[in-house]
N, C-alpha and C. Protein backbone atom coordinates (compact mmCIF):
# COMPACT_ATOMS: atom_id res chain seq x y z
N MET A 1 116.45 105.16 71.58
CA MET A 1 117.78 105.74 71.63
C MET A 1 118.79 104.66 71.25
N GLN A 2 119.62 104.93 70.26
CA GLN A 2 120.63 103.99 69.83
C GLN A 2 121.84 104.06 70.76
N SER A 3 122.59 103.00 70.75
CA SER A 3 123.80 102.98 71.58
C SER A 3 124.89 103.82 70.92
N PRO A 4 125.81 104.34 71.71
CA PRO A 4 126.91 105.13 71.15
C PRO A 4 127.75 104.34 70.14
N THR A 5 127.89 103.05 70.34
CA THR A 5 128.66 102.22 69.41
C THR A 5 127.98 102.16 68.06
N VAL A 6 126.67 101.97 68.05
CA VAL A 6 125.92 101.92 66.79
C VAL A 6 125.99 103.27 66.08
N ILE A 7 125.85 104.34 66.83
CA ILE A 7 125.92 105.67 66.24
C ILE A 7 127.29 105.91 65.61
N SER A 8 128.36 105.50 66.29
CA SER A 8 129.71 105.66 65.74
C SER A 8 129.90 104.85 64.47
N ILE A 9 129.41 103.62 64.47
CA ILE A 9 129.56 102.75 63.29
C ILE A 9 128.77 103.31 62.11
N VAL A 10 127.56 103.79 62.37
CA VAL A 10 126.75 104.39 61.31
C VAL A 10 127.45 105.62 60.75
N SER A 11 128.11 106.39 61.62
CA SER A 11 128.84 107.58 61.16
C SER A 11 130.07 107.21 60.35
N ILE A 12 130.65 106.06 60.61
CA ILE A 12 131.79 105.61 59.80
C ILE A 12 131.30 105.22 58.40
N ILE A 13 130.14 104.57 58.34
CA ILE A 13 129.61 104.13 57.05
C ILE A 13 129.19 105.33 56.20
N ILE A 14 128.40 106.23 56.77
CA ILE A 14 127.94 107.43 56.06
C ILE A 14 128.21 108.64 56.96
N PRO A 15 129.15 109.50 56.57
CA PRO A 15 129.48 110.66 57.41
C PRO A 15 128.27 111.54 57.69
N GLY A 16 128.07 111.86 58.97
CA GLY A 16 126.98 112.73 59.38
C GLY A 16 125.70 112.01 59.75
N LEU A 17 125.53 110.76 59.34
CA LEU A 17 124.28 110.06 59.61
C LEU A 17 124.08 109.79 61.10
N GLY A 18 125.14 109.47 61.81
CA GLY A 18 125.02 109.24 63.26
C GLY A 18 124.56 110.49 63.98
N LEU A 19 125.12 111.62 63.60
CA LEU A 19 124.69 112.89 64.21
C LEU A 19 123.24 113.19 63.86
N TRP A 20 122.85 112.87 62.64
CA TRP A 20 121.47 113.08 62.20
C TRP A 20 120.51 112.23 63.05
N LEU A 21 120.90 111.00 63.33
CA LEU A 21 120.03 110.09 64.09
C LEU A 21 119.84 110.53 65.54
N ILE A 22 120.83 111.22 66.12
CA ILE A 22 120.67 111.66 67.51
C ILE A 22 120.08 113.07 67.59
N GLY A 23 119.69 113.63 66.45
CA GLY A 23 119.00 114.90 66.45
C GLY A 23 119.87 116.12 66.25
N LYS A 24 121.13 115.94 65.94
CA LYS A 24 122.04 117.07 65.70
C LYS A 24 122.10 117.32 64.19
N ARG A 25 121.02 117.83 63.63
CA ARG A 25 120.90 118.00 62.18
C ARG A 25 121.93 118.97 61.61
N ARG A 26 122.12 120.10 62.27
CA ARG A 26 123.07 121.09 61.77
C ARG A 26 124.49 120.53 61.79
N HIS A 27 124.85 119.86 62.87
CA HIS A 27 126.18 119.26 62.98
C HIS A 27 126.37 118.18 61.93
N ALA A 28 125.30 117.41 61.67
CA ALA A 28 125.38 116.35 60.67
C ALA A 28 125.64 116.93 59.29
N GLY A 29 124.94 117.99 58.94
CA GLY A 29 125.14 118.62 57.64
C GLY A 29 126.54 119.17 57.47
N ILE A 30 127.04 119.83 58.52
CA ILE A 30 128.39 120.39 58.45
C ILE A 30 129.43 119.28 58.36
N ALA A 31 129.27 118.22 59.13
CA ALA A 31 130.22 117.10 59.10
C ALA A 31 130.25 116.46 57.72
N ALA A 32 129.07 116.19 57.16
CA ALA A 32 129.01 115.57 55.83
C ALA A 32 129.60 116.49 54.77
N MET A 33 129.30 117.79 54.88
CA MET A 33 129.82 118.75 53.90
C MET A 33 131.36 118.81 53.97
N LEU A 34 131.92 118.80 55.16
CA LEU A 34 133.38 118.85 55.30
C LEU A 34 134.04 117.59 54.73
N VAL A 35 133.49 116.43 55.07
CA VAL A 35 134.08 115.18 54.59
C VAL A 35 133.94 115.06 53.07
N PHE A 36 132.74 115.26 52.56
CA PHE A 36 132.54 115.11 51.12
C PHE A 36 133.23 116.23 50.33
N GLY A 37 133.34 117.41 50.91
CA GLY A 37 134.09 118.49 50.27
C GLY A 37 135.57 118.14 50.15
N SER A 38 136.13 117.55 51.20
CA SER A 38 137.54 117.12 51.14
C SER A 38 137.74 116.01 50.11
N ILE A 39 136.77 115.11 50.03
CA ILE A 39 136.87 114.04 49.03
C ILE A 39 136.76 114.62 47.62
N PHE A 40 135.88 115.59 47.43
CA PHE A 40 135.73 116.24 46.13
C PHE A 40 137.05 116.90 45.70
N VAL A 41 137.68 117.62 46.62
CA VAL A 41 138.97 118.25 46.32
C VAL A 41 140.01 117.18 46.00
N PHE A 42 140.00 116.09 46.74
CA PHE A 42 140.93 114.99 46.49
C PHE A 42 140.76 114.42 45.09
N LEU A 43 139.52 114.23 44.66
CA LEU A 43 139.26 113.61 43.37
C LEU A 43 139.52 114.54 42.18
N PHE A 44 139.27 115.83 42.35
CA PHE A 44 139.30 116.72 41.20
C PHE A 44 140.39 117.80 41.24
N SER A 45 141.29 117.72 42.19
CA SER A 45 142.35 118.73 42.25
C SER A 45 143.46 118.40 41.24
N PRO A 46 143.93 119.39 40.48
CA PRO A 46 144.99 119.13 39.51
C PRO A 46 146.39 119.12 40.15
N TRP A 47 146.50 119.57 41.39
CA TRP A 47 147.81 119.65 42.04
C TRP A 47 148.01 118.47 42.99
N GLU A 48 149.15 117.83 42.88
CA GLU A 48 149.44 116.64 43.67
C GLU A 48 149.49 116.95 45.17
N MET A 49 150.08 118.08 45.53
CA MET A 49 150.19 118.42 46.95
C MET A 49 148.81 118.63 47.58
N LEU A 50 147.92 119.33 46.87
CA LEU A 50 146.57 119.56 47.37
C LEU A 50 145.78 118.25 47.42
N THR A 51 146.02 117.37 46.47
CA THR A 51 145.36 116.07 46.47
C THR A 51 145.75 115.27 47.69
N SER A 52 147.03 115.23 47.98
CA SER A 52 147.53 114.50 49.14
C SER A 52 146.99 115.09 50.44
N LEU A 53 147.02 116.41 50.54
CA LEU A 53 146.55 117.08 51.74
C LEU A 53 145.05 116.85 51.95
N SER A 54 144.26 116.99 50.91
CA SER A 54 142.82 116.82 51.05
C SER A 54 142.44 115.37 51.37
N CYS A 55 143.23 114.41 50.89
CA CYS A 55 142.98 113.01 51.24
C CYS A 55 143.19 112.80 52.75
N ASN A 56 144.27 113.36 53.27
CA ASN A 56 144.54 113.23 54.71
C ASN A 56 143.48 113.95 55.54
N ILE A 57 143.07 115.11 55.09
CA ILE A 57 142.04 115.86 55.81
C ILE A 57 140.71 115.11 55.79
N ALA A 58 140.37 114.51 54.65
CA ALA A 58 139.11 113.76 54.55
C ALA A 58 139.11 112.58 55.52
N ILE A 59 140.21 111.86 55.59
CA ILE A 59 140.30 110.70 56.50
C ILE A 59 140.20 111.17 57.95
N LEU A 60 140.89 112.25 58.27
CA LEU A 60 140.87 112.78 59.63
C LEU A 60 139.47 113.26 60.01
N LEU A 61 138.82 114.02 59.14
CA LEU A 61 137.48 114.51 59.43
C LEU A 61 136.46 113.37 59.53
N TRP A 62 136.63 112.34 58.70
CA TRP A 62 135.73 111.19 58.74
C TRP A 62 135.82 110.51 60.11
N ALA A 63 137.04 110.32 60.60
CA ALA A 63 137.23 109.70 61.91
C ALA A 63 136.72 110.60 63.03
N MET A 64 137.01 111.90 62.92
CA MET A 64 136.61 112.83 63.98
C MET A 64 135.09 112.94 64.10
N GLN A 65 134.39 112.99 62.98
CA GLN A 65 132.94 113.11 63.06
C GLN A 65 132.31 111.85 63.64
N SER A 66 132.92 110.70 63.40
CA SER A 66 132.43 109.45 63.99
C SER A 66 132.63 109.45 65.50
N MET A 67 133.81 109.90 65.95
CA MET A 67 134.06 109.97 67.39
C MET A 67 133.15 111.00 68.06
N TYR A 68 132.93 112.12 67.38
CA TYR A 68 132.06 113.17 67.92
C TYR A 68 130.62 112.66 68.04
N ALA A 69 130.15 111.92 67.07
CA ALA A 69 128.80 111.37 67.13
C ALA A 69 128.67 110.39 68.29
N GLY A 70 129.68 109.55 68.48
CA GLY A 70 129.68 108.62 69.61
C GLY A 70 129.68 109.34 70.94
N TYR A 71 130.47 110.42 71.02
CA TYR A 71 130.53 111.22 72.25
C TYR A 71 129.17 111.84 72.56
N GLU A 72 128.55 112.45 71.55
CA GLU A 72 127.24 113.07 71.75
C GLU A 72 126.18 112.04 72.12
N ALA A 73 126.23 110.86 71.52
CA ALA A 73 125.27 109.80 71.85
C ALA A 73 125.49 109.31 73.28
N ARG A 74 126.75 109.19 73.69
CA ARG A 74 127.07 108.76 75.06
C ARG A 74 126.58 109.81 76.06
N LEU A 75 126.75 111.08 75.73
CA LEU A 75 126.29 112.16 76.59
C LEU A 75 124.77 112.16 76.71
N ALA A 76 124.07 111.99 75.60
CA ALA A 76 122.60 111.95 75.62
C ALA A 76 122.11 110.74 76.42
N GLN A 77 122.80 109.63 76.29
CA GLN A 77 122.43 108.42 77.03
C GLN A 77 122.62 108.63 78.53
N ALA A 78 123.72 109.30 78.92
CA ALA A 78 123.98 109.56 80.34
C ALA A 78 122.95 110.52 80.93
N VAL A 79 122.52 111.50 80.16
CA VAL A 79 121.49 112.43 80.65
C VAL A 79 120.17 111.68 80.80
N LYS A 80 119.84 110.84 79.83
CA LYS A 80 118.58 110.10 79.87
C LYS A 80 118.55 109.10 81.03
N SER A 81 119.68 108.47 81.32
CA SER A 81 119.71 107.49 82.40
C SER A 81 119.82 108.14 83.78
N GLY A 82 120.11 109.44 83.81
CA GLY A 82 120.19 110.13 85.09
C GLY A 82 121.59 110.20 85.67
N ASP A 83 122.59 109.68 84.97
CA ASP A 83 123.97 109.75 85.45
C ASP A 83 124.49 111.19 85.46
N ILE A 84 124.02 111.99 84.50
CA ILE A 84 124.38 113.39 84.42
C ILE A 84 123.09 114.19 84.54
N GLN A 85 123.11 115.20 85.39
CA GLN A 85 121.92 116.02 85.55
C GLN A 85 121.94 117.16 84.55
N GLN A 86 120.78 117.46 84.01
CA GLN A 86 120.68 118.63 83.14
C GLN A 86 120.71 119.87 84.00
N ALA A 87 121.16 120.96 83.41
CA ALA A 87 121.21 122.22 84.15
C ALA A 87 119.81 122.67 84.52
N LYS A 88 119.71 123.25 85.70
CA LYS A 88 118.42 123.78 86.15
C LYS A 88 118.14 125.08 85.41
N GLU A 89 116.87 125.35 85.24
CA GLU A 89 116.49 126.63 84.66
C GLU A 89 116.69 127.67 85.74
N GLY A 90 117.55 128.63 85.46
CA GLY A 90 117.90 129.62 86.47
C GLY A 90 117.06 130.87 86.37
N ALA A 91 117.06 131.59 87.45
CA ALA A 91 116.40 132.89 87.46
C ALA A 91 117.34 133.90 86.82
N LEU A 92 116.91 135.13 86.75
CA LEU A 92 117.76 136.17 86.19
C LEU A 92 119.01 136.33 87.04
N ILE A 93 120.11 136.58 86.36
CA ILE A 93 121.39 136.73 87.05
C ILE A 93 121.52 138.15 87.57
N THR A 94 121.99 138.26 88.79
CA THR A 94 122.23 139.57 89.37
C THR A 94 123.31 140.28 88.57
N PRO A 95 123.06 141.50 88.12
CA PRO A 95 124.11 142.19 87.34
C PRO A 95 125.32 142.51 88.23
N PRO A 96 126.51 142.41 87.65
CA PRO A 96 127.72 142.69 88.45
C PRO A 96 127.82 144.17 88.79
N PRO A 97 128.50 144.48 89.88
CA PRO A 97 128.70 145.90 90.22
C PRO A 97 129.47 146.61 89.10
N SER A 98 129.19 147.87 88.91
CA SER A 98 129.78 148.61 87.79
C SER A 98 131.26 148.94 87.99
N ASP A 99 131.75 148.88 89.22
CA ASP A 99 133.14 149.26 89.47
C ASP A 99 134.14 148.10 89.24
N LEU A 100 133.67 146.96 88.76
CA LEU A 100 134.55 145.82 88.52
C LEU A 100 135.17 145.91 87.13
N SER A 101 136.35 145.30 86.98
CA SER A 101 136.98 145.22 85.66
C SER A 101 136.24 144.18 84.82
N ARG A 102 136.59 144.09 83.54
CA ARG A 102 135.93 143.14 82.64
C ARG A 102 136.12 141.71 83.12
N PHE A 103 137.32 141.35 83.58
CA PHE A 103 137.59 139.99 84.03
C PHE A 103 136.88 139.69 85.35
N GLU A 104 136.79 140.69 86.22
CA GLU A 104 136.07 140.50 87.48
C GLU A 104 134.58 140.35 87.23
N LYS A 105 134.05 141.04 86.21
CA LYS A 105 132.64 140.89 85.86
C LYS A 105 132.36 139.48 85.33
N GLU A 106 133.28 138.93 84.52
CA GLU A 106 133.13 137.55 84.02
C GLU A 106 133.16 136.55 85.17
N ALA A 107 134.07 136.75 86.12
CA ALA A 107 134.15 135.86 87.28
C ALA A 107 132.88 135.96 88.12
N PHE A 108 132.35 137.16 88.30
CA PHE A 108 131.11 137.37 89.05
C PHE A 108 129.96 136.63 88.36
N LYS A 109 129.87 136.77 87.04
CA LYS A 109 128.81 136.12 86.27
C LYS A 109 128.92 134.59 86.37
N ALA A 110 130.15 134.06 86.28
CA ALA A 110 130.36 132.61 86.39
C ALA A 110 129.88 132.10 87.74
N LYS A 111 130.22 132.82 88.81
CA LYS A 111 129.80 132.39 90.15
C LYS A 111 128.29 132.42 90.30
N GLU A 112 127.64 133.44 89.75
CA GLU A 112 126.19 133.54 89.85
C GLU A 112 125.49 132.41 89.09
N ILE A 113 125.99 132.09 87.91
CA ILE A 113 125.38 131.02 87.11
C ILE A 113 125.55 129.67 87.79
N VAL A 114 126.75 129.39 88.29
CA VAL A 114 127.00 128.11 88.95
C VAL A 114 126.23 128.03 90.26
N ARG A 115 126.15 129.12 90.98
CA ARG A 115 125.44 129.14 92.28
C ARG A 115 123.98 128.72 92.10
N GLN A 116 123.36 129.04 90.97
CA GLN A 116 121.97 128.66 90.73
C GLN A 116 121.81 127.16 90.53
N GLN A 117 122.89 126.46 90.20
CA GLN A 117 122.82 125.02 89.96
C GLN A 117 122.98 124.19 91.23
N LEU A 118 123.39 124.83 92.32
CA LEU A 118 123.65 124.10 93.57
C LEU A 118 122.35 123.75 94.28
N GLU A 119 122.41 122.69 95.06
CA GLU A 119 121.28 122.29 95.88
C GLU A 119 121.31 123.10 97.18
N ILE A 120 120.23 123.04 97.93
CA ILE A 120 120.16 123.75 99.20
C ILE A 120 121.21 123.16 100.15
N GLY A 121 121.96 124.01 100.80
CA GLY A 121 123.00 123.56 101.74
C GLY A 121 124.37 123.44 101.11
N GLU A 122 124.50 123.56 99.79
CA GLU A 122 125.80 123.51 99.13
C GLU A 122 126.30 124.93 98.94
N TYR A 123 127.60 125.11 99.15
CA TYR A 123 128.20 126.43 99.05
C TYR A 123 129.30 126.42 98.01
N LEU A 124 129.31 127.42 97.19
CA LEU A 124 130.27 127.54 96.11
C LEU A 124 131.58 128.13 96.62
N LEU A 125 132.70 127.47 96.29
CA LEU A 125 134.01 128.01 96.66
C LEU A 125 134.53 128.95 95.58
N ASP A 126 134.45 128.53 94.32
CA ASP A 126 134.92 129.36 93.22
C ASP A 126 134.32 128.86 91.92
N ALA A 127 134.34 129.70 90.89
CA ALA A 127 133.82 129.33 89.58
C ALA A 127 134.62 130.06 88.51
N ILE A 128 134.81 129.38 87.38
CA ILE A 128 135.53 129.99 86.26
C ILE A 128 134.79 129.68 84.96
N PRO A 129 134.86 130.56 83.96
CA PRO A 129 134.29 130.23 82.65
C PRO A 129 135.26 129.37 81.86
N ALA A 130 134.74 128.48 81.04
CA ALA A 130 135.56 127.62 80.18
C ALA A 130 134.92 127.56 78.81
N PHE A 131 135.74 127.51 77.77
CA PHE A 131 135.24 127.51 76.40
C PHE A 131 135.59 126.20 75.71
N GLN A 132 134.69 125.74 74.83
CA GLN A 132 134.95 124.57 74.01
C GLN A 132 134.63 124.95 72.58
N MET A 133 135.59 124.73 71.68
CA MET A 133 135.37 125.01 70.27
C MET A 133 135.21 123.69 69.53
N SER A 134 134.40 123.71 68.47
CA SER A 134 134.15 122.50 67.70
C SER A 134 134.22 122.80 66.21
N VAL A 135 134.88 121.94 65.48
CA VAL A 135 134.98 122.08 64.03
C VAL A 135 133.61 121.93 63.39
N PHE A 136 132.77 121.07 63.94
CA PHE A 136 131.51 120.74 63.31
C PHE A 136 130.41 121.75 63.60
N GLU A 137 130.64 122.72 64.48
CA GLU A 137 129.64 123.73 64.74
C GLU A 137 129.86 124.97 63.90
N GLY A 138 130.90 125.00 63.13
CA GLY A 138 131.15 126.14 62.26
C GLY A 138 132.30 126.99 62.77
N ALA A 139 132.87 127.73 61.87
CA ALA A 139 134.03 128.56 62.21
C ALA A 139 133.63 129.65 63.19
N GLY A 140 134.43 129.80 64.20
CA GLY A 140 134.21 130.86 65.17
C GLY A 140 133.15 130.57 66.20
N SER A 141 132.56 129.39 66.20
CA SER A 141 131.54 129.10 67.20
C SER A 141 132.15 128.32 68.36
N TYR A 142 131.62 128.52 69.52
CA TYR A 142 132.11 127.84 70.69
C TYR A 142 130.99 127.70 71.70
N ARG A 143 131.20 126.83 72.67
CA ARG A 143 130.27 126.67 73.77
C ARG A 143 130.94 127.25 75.01
N LEU A 144 130.18 127.91 75.82
CA LEU A 144 130.68 128.49 77.05
C LEU A 144 130.15 127.66 78.21
N TYR A 145 131.04 127.15 79.03
CA TYR A 145 130.68 126.41 80.22
C TYR A 145 131.18 127.16 81.44
N TYR A 146 130.57 126.90 82.56
CA TYR A 146 131.07 127.44 83.81
C TYR A 146 131.41 126.27 84.71
N ILE A 147 132.60 126.28 85.23
CA ILE A 147 133.05 125.20 86.12
C ILE A 147 133.04 125.75 87.53
N GLY A 148 132.29 125.11 88.42
CA GLY A 148 132.21 125.54 89.81
C GLY A 148 132.86 124.52 90.73
N ILE A 149 133.53 125.01 91.74
CA ILE A 149 134.18 124.15 92.72
C ILE A 149 133.42 124.31 94.03
N TYR A 150 132.90 123.21 94.55
CA TYR A 150 132.22 123.25 95.83
C TYR A 150 132.54 121.99 96.60
N LYS A 151 132.76 122.12 97.87
CA LYS A 151 133.17 121.02 98.76
C LYS A 151 134.35 120.29 98.12
N ILE A 152 134.12 119.06 97.69
CA ILE A 152 135.18 118.29 97.06
C ILE A 152 134.82 117.91 95.63
N ASN A 153 133.80 118.56 95.08
CA ASN A 153 133.32 118.22 93.74
C ASN A 153 133.49 119.37 92.76
N LEU A 154 133.36 119.05 91.48
CA LEU A 154 133.31 120.05 90.42
C LEU A 154 131.92 120.02 89.82
N LEU A 155 131.45 121.17 89.39
CA LEU A 155 130.16 121.26 88.73
C LEU A 155 130.37 121.92 87.38
N LEU A 156 129.93 121.27 86.31
CA LEU A 156 130.07 121.84 84.95
C LEU A 156 128.71 122.35 84.52
């Protein structure tokens, strides 16, 4: 496992390579395609405004994919070292009662999912769903997390 610093530096040198090295092949391809696509538009666009815009976008995407690769490498390193626990494999979730509204059903589902992650003797106070969107995972894609509050801690 490479260090997050090495992964970030490799991603600065060649866009997407750091993500490729940590096993995020799809993210690596999308990152490289976005950066090189912006550079292509910069080099071959006949309009000055589009050239300027694509140059700025290419620089921004190049930096963002490097930071994202470092973040993913740091996360993988923390899971491997045991600082962050992986989610437990849960049993089937109890279906919500049919008389609840759509938002109450989402809250019920969030509590059930988080409750499965707790250890024996821990009690859940509340749970909410949270979304994370990423440019490198493709348009319209997002990750759904559940944040649980128990005792004095948070559980993601």
